[in-house]
Amino acid sequence: TTIKKSAKKSFLQKKGVQFLQVNSLKKKNDFISLFQILKKRGFNR
C-alpha cells in the first residue's frame, strides 16, 4: 500500500496482517523493485 497511517491499517495489524509501503506501482521498475523486496523476504515462487 501507499497509505502510511489509518484506522483500518491499525485494525488489520492487530489481526497479524503485515504491510509493505511503496511510493508508486505504475512503472515496470516499480514492480521490479517490489519483487526484489519480496525475494529478500524469502519469496522465490
All heavy atoms as atom14 arrays in JSON, in Angstrom:
{
  "sequence": "TTIKKSAKKSFLQKKGVQFLQVNSLKKKNDFISLFQILKKRGFNR",
  "atom14_mask": [
    [1, 1, 1, 1, 1, 1, 1, 0, 0, 0, 0, 0, 0, 0],
    [1, 1, 1, 1, 1, 1, 1, 0, 0, 0, 0, 0, 0, 0],
    [1, 1, 1, 1, 1, 1, 1, 1, 0, 0, 0, 0, 0, 0],
    [1, 1, 1, 1, 1, 1, 1, 1, 1, 0, 0, 0, 0, 0],
    [1, 1, 1, 1, 1, 1, 1, 1, 1, 0, 0, 0, 0, 0],
    [1, 1, 1, 1, 1, 1, 0, 0, 0, 0, 0, 0, 0, 0],
    [1, 1, 1, 1, 1, 0, 0, 0, 0, 0, 0, 0, 0, 0],
    [1, 1, 1, 1, 1, 1, 1, 1, 1, 0, 0, 0, 0, 0],
    [1, 1, 1, 1, 1, 1, 1, 1, 1, 0, 0, 0, 0, 0],
    [1, 1, 1, 1, 1, 1, 0, 0, 0, 0, 0, 0, 0, 0],
    [1, 1, 1, 1, 1, 1, 1, 1, 1, 1, 1, 0, 0, 0],
    [1, 1, 1, 1, 1, 1, 1, 1, 0, 0, 0, 0, 0, 0],
    [1, 1, 1, 1, 1, 1, 1, 1, 1, 0, 0, 0, 0, 0],
    [1, 1, 1, 1, 1, 1, 1, 1, 1, 0, 0, 0, 0, 0],
    [1, 1, 1, 1, 1, 1, 1, 1, 1, 0, 0, 0, 0, 0],
    [1, 1, 1, 1, 0, 0, 0, 0, 0, 0, 0, 0, 0, 0],
    [1, 1, 1, 1, 1, 1, 1, 0, 0, 0, 0, 0, 0, 0],
    [1, 1, 1, 1, 1, 1, 1, 1, 1, 0, 0, 0, 0, 0],
    [1, 1, 1, 1, 1, 1, 1, 1, 1, 1, 1, 0, 0, 0],
    [1, 1, 1, 1, 1, 1, 1, 1, 0, 0, 0, 0, 0, 0],
    [1, 1, 1, 1, 1, 1, 1, 1, 1, 0, 0, 0, 0, 0],
    [1, 1, 1, 1, 1, 1, 1, 0, 0, 0, 0, 0, 0, 0],
    [1, 1, 1, 1, 1, 1, 1, 1, 0, 0, 0, 0, 0, 0],
    [1, 1, 1, 1, 1, 1, 0, 0, 0, 0, 0, 0, 0, 0],
    [1, 1, 1, 1, 1, 1, 1, 1, 0, 0, 0, 0, 0, 0],
    [1, 1, 1, 1, 1, 1, 1, 1, 1, 0, 0, 0, 0, 0],
    [1, 1, 1, 1, 1, 1, 1, 1, 1, 0, 0, 0, 0, 0],
    [1, 1, 1, 1, 1, 1, 1, 1, 1, 0, 0, 0, 0, 0],
    [1, 1, 1, 1, 1, 1, 1, 1, 0, 0, 0, 0, 0, 0],
    [1, 1, 1, 1, 1, 1, 1, 1, 0, 0, 0, 0, 0, 0],
    [1, 1, 1, 1, 1, 1, 1, 1, 1, 1, 1, 0, 0, 0],
    [1, 1, 1, 1, 1, 1, 1, 1, 0, 0, 0, 0, 0, 0],
    [1, 1, 1, 1, 1, 1, 0, 0, 0, 0, 0, 0, 0, 0],
    [1, 1, 1, 1, 1, 1, 1, 1, 0, 0, 0, 0, 0, 0],
    [1, 1, 1, 1, 1, 1, 1, 1, 1, 1, 1, 0, 0, 0],
    [1, 1, 1, 1, 1, 1, 1, 1, 1, 0, 0, 0, 0, 0],
    [1, 1, 1, 1, 1, 1, 1, 1, 0, 0, 0, 0, 0, 0],
    [1, 1, 1, 1, 1, 1, 1, 1, 0, 0, 0, 0, 0, 0],
    [1, 1, 1, 1, 1, 1, 1, 1, 1, 0, 0, 0, 0, 0],
    [1, 1, 1, 1, 1, 1, 1, 1, 1, 0, 0, 0, 0, 0],
    [1, 1, 1, 1, 1, 1, 1, 1, 1, 1, 1, 0, 0, 0],
    [1, 1, 1, 1, 0, 0, 0, 0, 0, 0, 0, 0, 0, 0],
    [1, 1, 1, 1, 1, 1, 1, 1, 1, 1, 1, 0, 0, 0],
    [1, 1, 1, 1, 1, 1, 1, 1, 0, 0, 0, 0, 0, 0],
    [1, 1, 1, 1, 1, 1, 1, 1, 1, 1, 1, 0, 0, 0]
  ],
  "atom14_positions": [
    [[0.82, -1.21, 0.0], [0.0, 0.0, 0.0], [0.86, 1.27, 0.0], [2.05, 1.21, 0.32], [-0.94, 0.01, 1.24], [-1.83, 1.1, 1.16], [-0.13, 0.08, 2.53], [0.0, 0.0, 0.0], [0.0, 0.0, 0.0], [0.0, 0.0, 0.0], [0.0, 0.0, 0.0], [0.0, 0.0, 0.0], [0.0, 0.0, 0.0], [0.0, 0.0, 0.0]],
    [[0.22, 2.38, -0.35], [0.88, 3.69, -0.26], [0.48, 4.41, 1.03], [1.04, 5.46, 1.35], [0.51, 4.57, -1.46], [-0.92, 4.74, -1.49], [0.96, 3.94, -2.77], [0.0, 0.0, 0.0], [0.0, 0.0, 0.0], [0.0, 0.0, 0.0], [0.0, 0.0, 0.0], [0.0, 0.0, 0.0], [0.0, 0.0, 0.0], [0.0, 0.0, 0.0]],
    [[-0.5, 3.86, 1.74], [-1.04, 4.51, 2.94], [-0.09, 4.33, 4.12], [0.33, 3.21, 4.43], [-2.42, 3.94, 3.29], [-3.38, 4.08, 2.11], [-2.99, 4.63, 4.54], [-3.63, 5.5, 1.66], [0.0, 0.0, 0.0], [0.0, 0.0, 0.0], [0.0, 0.0, 0.0], [0.0, 0.0, 0.0], [0.0, 0.0, 0.0], [0.0, 0.0, 0.0]],
    [[0.23, 5.45, 4.79], [1.15, 5.38, 5.92], [0.44, 5.04, 7.22], [0.88, 4.18, 7.99], [1.9, 6.71, 6.06], [2.83, 7.02, 4.89], [3.56, 8.34, 5.11], [4.5, 8.63, 3.95], [5.22, 9.92, 4.14], [0.0, 0.0, 0.0], [0.0, 0.0, 0.0], [0.0, 0.0, 0.0], [0.0, 0.0, 0.0], [0.0, 0.0, 0.0]],
    [[-0.66, 5.74, 7.49], [-1.38, 5.52, 8.75], [-2.88, 5.59, 8.48], [-3.35, 6.42, 7.7], [-0.99, 6.57, 9.79], [0.47, 6.51, 10.22], [0.81, 7.62, 11.19], [0.47, 7.22, 12.61], [0.94, 8.23, 13.59], [0.0, 0.0, 0.0], [0.0, 0.0, 0.0], [0.0, 0.0, 0.0], [0.0, 0.0, 0.0], [0.0, 0.0, 0.0]],
    [[-3.62, 4.69, 9.14], [-5.08, 4.74, 9.07], [-5.65, 3.8, 10.12], [-4.96, 2.9, 10.6], [-5.59, 4.34, 7.67], [-5.49, 2.96, 7.5], [0.0, 0.0, 0.0], [0.0, 0.0, 0.0], [0.0, 0.0, 0.0], [0.0, 0.0, 0.0], [0.0, 0.0, 0.0], [0.0, 0.0, 0.0], [0.0, 0.0, 0.0], [0.0, 0.0, 0.0]],
    [[-6.92, 4.0, 10.47], [-7.57, 3.12, 11.44], [-7.67, 1.7, 10.9], [-7.51, 0.73, 11.65], [-8.96, 3.68, 11.75], [0.0, 0.0, 0.0], [0.0, 0.0, 0.0], [0.0, 0.0, 0.0], [0.0, 0.0, 0.0], [0.0, 0.0, 0.0], [0.0, 0.0, 0.0], [0.0, 0.0, 0.0], [0.0, 0.0, 0.0], [0.0, 0.0, 0.0]],
    [[-7.92, 1.58, 9.61], [-8.02, 0.24, 9.01], [-6.68, -0.48, 9.1], [-6.61, -1.68, 9.4], [-8.47, 0.34, 7.55], [-8.57, -1.01, 6.85], [-9.04, -0.87, 5.42], [-10.49, -0.51, 5.37], [-11.02, -0.58, 3.98], [0.0, 0.0, 0.0], [0.0, 0.0, 0.0], [0.0, 0.0, 0.0], [0.0, 0.0, 0.0], [0.0, 0.0, 0.0]],
    [[-5.6, 0.24, 8.85], [-4.27, -0.36, 8.92], [-3.99, -0.86, 10.33], [-3.49, -1.97, 10.52], [-3.23, 0.67, 8.49], [-1.83, 0.1, 8.26], [-0.92, 1.15, 7.64], [0.45, 0.57, 7.33], [1.34, 1.57, 6.69], [0.0, 0.0, 0.0], [0.0, 0.0, 0.0], [0.0, 0.0, 0.0], [0.0, 0.0, 0.0], [0.0, 0.0, 0.0]],
    [[-4.32, -0.07, 11.33], [-4.12, -0.47, 12.72], [-4.97, -1.69, 13.06], [-4.51, -2.62, 13.74], [-4.47, 0.68, 13.66], [-3.64, 1.79, 13.42], [0.0, 0.0, 0.0], [0.0, 0.0, 0.0], [0.0, 0.0, 0.0], [0.0, 0.0, 0.0], [0.0, 0.0, 0.0], [0.0, 0.0, 0.0], [0.0, 0.0, 0.0], [0.0, 0.0, 0.0]],
    [[-6.21, -1.71, 12.58], [-7.11, -2.83, 12.83], [-6.55, -4.13, 12.26], [-6.53, -5.17, 12.93], [-8.48, -2.52, 12.22], [-9.44, -3.68, 12.23], [-10.16, -4.0, 13.38], [-9.62, -4.47, 11.09], [-11.05, -5.08, 13.39], [-10.49, -5.54, 11.1], [-11.21, -5.85, 12.26], [0.0, 0.0, 0.0], [0.0, 0.0, 0.0], [0.0, 0.0, 0.0]],
    [[-6.08, -4.07, 11.02], [-5.56, -5.27, 10.37], [-4.22, -5.71, 10.97], [-3.94, -6.91, 11.04], [-5.44, -5.03, 8.87], [-6.76, -4.86, 8.12], [-6.52, -4.5, 6.66], [-7.61, -6.13, 8.22], [0.0, 0.0, 0.0], [0.0, 0.0, 0.0], [0.0, 0.0, 0.0], [0.0, 0.0, 0.0], [0.0, 0.0, 0.0], [0.0, 0.0, 0.0]],
    [[-3.42, -4.77, 11.4], [-2.16, -5.13, 12.04], [-2.4, -5.92, 13.31], [-1.64, -6.85, 13.64], [-1.34, -3.86, 12.34], [-0.66, -3.28, 11.1], [0.03, -1.97, 11.38], [-0.42, -1.17, 12.2], [1.14, -1.73, 10.68], [0.0, 0.0, 0.0], [0.0, 0.0, 0.0], [0.0, 0.0, 0.0], [0.0, 0.0, 0.0], [0.0, 0.0, 0.0]],
    [[-3.46, -5.59, 14.04], [-3.82, -6.34, 15.25], [-4.24, -7.76, 14.92], [-4.15, -8.65, 15.77], [-4.94, -5.62, 16.0], [-4.5, -4.32, 16.64], [-5.66, -3.59, 17.32], [-5.19, -2.27, 17.93], [-6.33, -1.52, 18.54], [0.0, 0.0, 0.0], [0.0, 0.0, 0.0], [0.0, 0.0, 0.0], [0.0, 0.0, 0.0], [0.0, 0.0, 0.0]],
    [[-4.69, -7.98, 13.68], [-5.04, -9.33, 13.23], [-3.84, -10.09, 12.67], [-3.97, -11.21, 12.18], [-6.14, -9.26, 12.17], [-7.53, -8.99, 12.73], [-8.57, -9.03, 11.64], [-9.97, -9.06, 12.22], [-10.32, -10.37, 12.81], [0.0, 0.0, 0.0], [0.0, 0.0, 0.0], [0.0, 0.0, 0.0], [0.0, 0.0, 0.0], [0.0, 0.0, 0.0]],
    [[-2.67, -9.46, 12.71], [-1.45, -10.12, 12.25], [-1.07, -9.81, 10.82], [-0.09, -10.36, 10.31], [0.0, 0.0, 0.0], [0.0, 0.0, 0.0], [0.0, 0.0, 0.0], [0.0, 0.0, 0.0], [0.0, 0.0, 0.0], [0.0, 0.0, 0.0], [0.0, 0.0, 0.0], [0.0, 0.0, 0.0], [0.0, 0.0, 0.0], [0.0, 0.0, 0.0]],
    [[-1.82, -8.93, 10.17], [-1.51, -8.56, 8.79], [-0.27, -7.66, 8.77], [-0.15, -6.74, 9.59], [-2.7, -7.85, 8.12], [-2.34, -7.39, 6.72], [-3.91, -8.78, 8.1], [0.0, 0.0, 0.0], [0.0, 0.0, 0.0], [0.0, 0.0, 0.0], [0.0, 0.0, 0.0], [0.0, 0.0, 0.0], [0.0, 0.0, 0.0], [0.0, 0.0, 0.0]],
    [[0.64, -7.94, 7.84], [1.83, -7.12, 7.68], [1.63, -6.15, 6.51], [0.82, -6.42, 5.61], [3.06, -8.0, 7.41], [3.34, -9.0, 8.52], [4.46, -9.96, 8.15], [5.33, -9.64, 7.35], [4.44, -11.14, 8.76], [0.0, 0.0, 0.0], [0.0, 0.0, 0.0], [0.0, 0.0, 0.0], [0.0, 0.0, 0.0], [0.0, 0.0, 0.0]],
    [[2.37, -5.06, 6.54], [2.25, -4.06, 5.48], [3.61, -3.74, 4.89], [4.62, -3.73, 5.59], [1.6, -2.78, 6.03], [0.14, -2.91, 6.29], [-0.33, -3.44, 7.48], [-0.78, -2.52, 5.32], [-1.69, -3.57, 7.72], [-2.14, -2.65, 5.55], [-2.6, -3.18, 6.75], [0.0, 0.0, 0.0], [0.0, 0.0, 0.0], [0.0, 0.0, 0.0]],
    [[3.6, -3.51, 3.59], [4.79, -3.07, 2.88], [4.41, -1.8, 2.13], [3.57, -1.83, 1.24], [5.27, -4.15, 1.91], [6.49, -3.81, 1.04], [7.69, -3.42, 1.9], [6.83, -4.98, 0.14], [0.0, 0.0, 0.0], [0.0, 0.0, 0.0], [0.0, 0.0, 0.0], [0.0, 0.0, 0.0], [0.0, 0.0, 0.0], [0.0, 0.0, 0.0]],
    [[5.03, -0.69, 2.53], [4.67, 0.59, 1.94], [5.53, 0.88, 0.71], [6.74, 0.69, 0.72], [4.85, 1.71, 2.96], [4.29, 3.04, 2.48], [4.36, 4.1, 3.57], [4.22, 3.79, 4.74], [4.56, 5.34, 3.17], [0.0, 0.0, 0.0], [0.0, 0.0, 0.0], [0.0, 0.0, 0.0], [0.0, 0.0, 0.0], [0.0, 0.0, 0.0]],
    [[4.87, 1.31, -0.35], [5.56, 1.7, -1.58], [5.11, 3.11, -1.95], [4.04, 3.56, -1.54], [5.25, 0.73, -2.74], [5.78, -0.66, -2.44], [3.74, 0.68, -3.04], [0.0, 0.0, 0.0], [0.0, 0.0, 0.0], [0.0, 0.0, 0.0], [0.0, 0.0, 0.0], [0.0, 0.0, 0.0], [0.0, 0.0, 0.0], [0.0, 0.0, 0.0]],
    [[5.92, 3.79, -2.71], [5.56, 5.14, -3.16], [4.68, 5.11, -4.4], [3.82, 5.96, -4.6], [6.82, 5.95, -3.44], [7.64, 6.21, -2.19], [7.07, 6.43, -1.11], [8.95, 6.16, -2.31], [0.0, 0.0, 0.0], [0.0, 0.0, 0.0], [0.0, 0.0, 0.0], [0.0, 0.0, 0.0], [0.0, 0.0, 0.0], [0.0, 0.0, 0.0]],
    [[4.93, 4.11, -5.24], [4.19, 4.02, -6.51], [4.27, 2.59, -7.03], [5.19, 1.85, -6.7], [4.77, 5.0, -7.52], [4.14, 4.86, -8.77], [0.0, 0.0, 0.0], [0.0, 0.0, 0.0], [0.0, 0.0, 0.0], [0.0, 0.0, 0.0], [0.0, 0.0, 0.0], [0.0, 0.0, 0.0], [0.0, 0.0, 0.0], [0.0, 0.0, 0.0]],
    [[3.3, 2.22, -7.85], [3.33, 0.91, -8.51], [2.71, 1.08, -9.89], [1.65, 0.53, -10.2], [2.56, -0.12, -7.67], [2.95, -1.59, -7.86], [4.43, -1.81, -7.6], [2.13, -2.49, -6.95], [0.0, 0.0, 0.0], [0.0, 0.0, 0.0], [0.0, 0.0, 0.0], [0.0, 0.0, 0.0], [0.0, 0.0, 0.0], [0.0, 0.0, 0.0]],
    [[3.4, 1.84, -10.71], [2.9, 2.14, -12.05], [3.84, 1.66, -13.14], [3.41, 1.11, -14.14], [2.68, 3.65, -12.19], [1.6, 4.23, -11.29], [1.47, 5.73, -11.49], [0.39, 6.32, -10.59], [0.28, 7.79, -10.77], [0.0, 0.0, 0.0], [0.0, 0.0, 0.0], [0.0, 0.0, 0.0], [0.0, 0.0, 0.0], [0.0, 0.0, 0.0]],
    [[5.13, 1.9, -12.95], [6.11, 1.58, -13.98], [6.72, 0.2, -13.76], [6.64, -0.37, -12.66], [7.22, 2.64, -13.98], [6.73, 4.05, -14.27], [7.87, 5.05, -14.2], [7.38, 6.47, -14.47], [8.49, 7.46, -14.37], [0.0, 0.0, 0.0], [0.0, 0.0, 0.0], [0.0, 0.0, 0.0], [0.0, 0.0, 0.0], [0.0, 0.0, 0.0]],
    [[7.33, -0.32, -14.8], [7.96, -1.63, -14.73], [8.99, -1.69, -13.61], [9.05, -2.67, -12.87], [8.61, -1.98, -16.07], [9.26, -3.36, -16.09], [9.78, -3.69, -17.48], [10.39, -5.1, -17.52], [10.83, -5.47, -18.88], [0.0, 0.0, 0.0], [0.0, 0.0, 0.0], [0.0, 0.0, 0.0], [0.0, 0.0, 0.0], [0.0, 0.0, 0.0]],
    [[9.78, -0.64, -13.47], [10.8, -0.62, -12.43], [10.2, -0.64, -11.03], [10.83, -1.14, -10.08], [11.72, 0.59, -12.59], [12.71, 0.41, -13.73], [12.97, -0.71, -14.17], [13.25, 1.51, -14.23], [0.0, 0.0, 0.0], [0.0, 0.0, 0.0], [0.0, 0.0, 0.0], [0.0, 0.0, 0.0], [0.0, 0.0, 0.0], [0.0, 0.0, 0.0]],
    [[8.99, -0.08, -10.88], [8.31, -0.14, -9.58], [8.03, -1.59, -9.2], [8.22, -2.01, -8.05], [6.99, 0.64, -9.62], [7.19, 2.13, -9.82], [8.28, 2.63, -9.47], [6.26, 2.78, -10.33], [0.0, 0.0, 0.0], [0.0, 0.0, 0.0], [0.0, 0.0, 0.0], [0.0, 0.0, 0.0], [0.0, 0.0, 0.0], [0.0, 0.0, 0.0]],
    [[7.55, -2.37, -10.18], [7.26, -3.78, -9.93], [8.53, -4.57, -9.67], [8.57, -5.44, -8.8], [6.48, -4.37, -11.1], [5.04, -3.98, -11.13], [4.61, -2.93, -11.93], [4.1, -4.65, -10.36], [3.29, -2.55, -11.96], [2.77, -4.28, -10.38], [2.36, -3.23, -11.18], [0.0, 0.0, 0.0], [0.0, 0.0, 0.0], [0.0, 0.0, 0.0]],
    [[9.56, -4.29, -10.45], [10.84, -5.0, -10.26], [11.37, -4.74, -8.85], [11.83, -5.67, -8.17], [11.86, -4.57, -11.32], [11.44, -5.11, -12.69], [13.26, -5.07, -10.98], [12.31, -4.65, -13.84], [0.0, 0.0, 0.0], [0.0, 0.0, 0.0], [0.0, 0.0, 0.0], [0.0, 0.0, 0.0], [0.0, 0.0, 0.0], [0.0, 0.0, 0.0]],
    [[11.28, -3.49, -8.39], [11.73, -3.16, -7.03], [10.91, -3.92, -5.99], [11.46, -4.43, -5.0], [11.61, -1.66, -6.78], [12.48, -0.93, -7.63], [0.0, 0.0, 0.0], [0.0, 0.0, 0.0], [0.0, 0.0, 0.0], [0.0, 0.0, 0.0], [0.0, 0.0, 0.0], [0.0, 0.0, 0.0], [0.0, 0.0, 0.0], [0.0, 0.0, 0.0]],
    [[9.59, -4.02, -6.23], [8.74, -4.77, -5.31], [9.12, -6.23, -5.28], [9.26, -6.83, -4.2], [7.27, -4.62, -5.73], [6.26, -5.49, -4.96], [6.27, -5.14, -3.48], [4.87, -5.35, -5.55], [0.0, 0.0, 0.0], [0.0, 0.0, 0.0], [0.0, 0.0, 0.0], [0.0, 0.0, 0.0], [0.0, 0.0, 0.0], [0.0, 0.0, 0.0]],
    [[9.32, -6.82, -6.45], [9.69, -8.24, -6.5], [11.05, -8.49, -5.84], [11.27, -9.53, -5.21], [9.69, -8.73, -7.95], [8.33, -8.8, -8.57], [8.15, -8.5, -9.92], [7.22, -9.14, -7.82], [6.89, -8.56, -10.5], [5.96, -9.2, -8.4], [5.79, -8.9, -9.73], [0.0, 0.0, 0.0], [0.0, 0.0, 0.0], [0.0, 0.0, 0.0]],
    [[11.96, -7.53, -5.97], [13.26, -7.68, -5.31], [13.1, -7.68, -3.79], [13.75, -8.47, -3.09], [14.19, -6.55, -5.76], [14.67, -6.67, -7.19], [15.47, -5.46, -7.66], [15.42, -4.39, -7.04], [16.21, -5.62, -8.73], [0.0, 0.0, 0.0], [0.0, 0.0, 0.0], [0.0, 0.0, 0.0], [0.0, 0.0, 0.0], [0.0, 0.0, 0.0]],
    [[12.24, -6.83, -3.29], [11.98, -6.79, -1.84], [11.34, -8.11, -1.39], [11.72, -8.67, -0.36], [11.06, -5.6, -1.49], [11.79, -4.29, -1.74], [10.6, -5.68, -0.04], [10.9, -3.06, -1.64], [0.0, 0.0, 0.0], [0.0, 0.0, 0.0], [0.0, 0.0, 0.0], [0.0, 0.0, 0.0], [0.0, 0.0, 0.0], [0.0, 0.0, 0.0]],
    [[10.4, -8.6, -2.17], [9.73, -9.85, -1.81], [10.72, -11.01, -1.81], [10.65, -11.9, -0.97], [8.58, -10.12, -2.78], [7.39, -9.14, -2.68], [6.36, -9.44, -3.76], [6.74, -9.21, -1.3], [0.0, 0.0, 0.0], [0.0, 0.0, 0.0], [0.0, 0.0, 0.0], [0.0, 0.0, 0.0], [0.0, 0.0, 0.0], [0.0, 0.0, 0.0]],
    [[11.65, -11.0, -2.75], [12.67, -12.05, -2.78], [13.53, -11.99, -1.53], [13.87, -13.02, -0.93], [13.54, -11.94, -4.03], [14.54, -13.1, -4.17], [15.31, -13.0, -5.46], [16.18, -14.25, -5.66], [17.17, -14.42, -4.59], [0.0, 0.0, 0.0], [0.0, 0.0, 0.0], [0.0, 0.0, 0.0], [0.0, 0.0, 0.0], [0.0, 0.0, 0.0]],
    [[13.9, -10.79, -1.1], [14.7, -10.64, 0.12], [13.93, -11.14, 1.34], [14.53, -11.55, 2.34], [15.1, -9.18, 0.31], [16.15, -8.71, -0.69], [16.5, -7.25, -0.47], [17.55, -6.78, -1.47], [17.87, -5.34, -1.31], [0.0, 0.0, 0.0], [0.0, 0.0, 0.0], [0.0, 0.0, 0.0], [0.0, 0.0, 0.0], [0.0, 0.0, 0.0]],
    [[12.6, -11.11, 1.25], [11.77, -11.61, 2.35], [11.51, -13.12, 2.26], [10.72, -13.67, 3.02], [10.44, -10.85, 2.4], [10.6, -9.39, 2.79], [9.28, -8.78, 3.2], [9.44, -7.41, 3.66], [8.5, -6.75, 4.34], [7.34, -7.35, 4.65], [8.7, -5.51, 4.74], [0.0, 0.0, 0.0], [0.0, 0.0, 0.0], [0.0, 0.0, 0.0]],
    [[12.16, -13.76, 1.3], [12.1, -15.21, 1.22], [11.12, -15.78, 0.23], [10.9, -16.99, 0.19], [0.0, 0.0, 0.0], [0.0, 0.0, 0.0], [0.0, 0.0, 0.0], [0.0, 0.0, 0.0], [0.0, 0.0, 0.0], [0.0, 0.0, 0.0], [0.0, 0.0, 0.0], [0.0, 0.0, 0.0], [0.0, 0.0, 0.0], [0.0, 0.0, 0.0]],
    [[10.54, -14.94, -0.63], [9.59, -15.44, -1.62], [10.33, -15.73, -2.93], [10.89, -14.83, -3.54], [8.47, -14.42, -1.86], [7.63, -14.15, -0.64], [7.64, -12.91, -0.03], [6.85, -15.15, -0.1], [6.87, -12.66, 1.09], [6.07, -14.93, 1.03], [6.08, -13.68, 1.63], [0.0, 0.0, 0.0], [0.0, 0.0, 0.0], [0.0, 0.0, 0.0]],
    [[10.3, -16.99, -3.34], [11.04, -17.42, -4.53], [10.14, -17.9, -5.66], [10.55, -17.94, -6.8], [12.02, -18.53, -4.15], [13.06, -18.07, -3.16], [13.89, -17.22, -3.47], [13.02, -18.61, -1.95], [0.0, 0.0, 0.0], [0.0, 0.0, 0.0], [0.0, 0.0, 0.0], [0.0, 0.0, 0.0], [0.0, 0.0, 0.0], [0.0, 0.0, 0.0]],
    [[8.92, -18.3, -5.31], [7.96, -18.8, -6.31], [6.63, -18.11, -6.04], [5.96, -18.42, -5.04], [7.81, -20.32, -6.24], [9.05, -21.1, -6.66], [8.85, -22.61, -6.47], [7.72, -23.11, -7.23], [7.78, -23.5, -8.5], [8.94, -23.44, -9.16], [6.72, -23.95, -9.12], [0.0, 0.0, 0.0], [0.0, 0.0, 0.0], [0.0, 0.0, 0.0]]
  ]
}
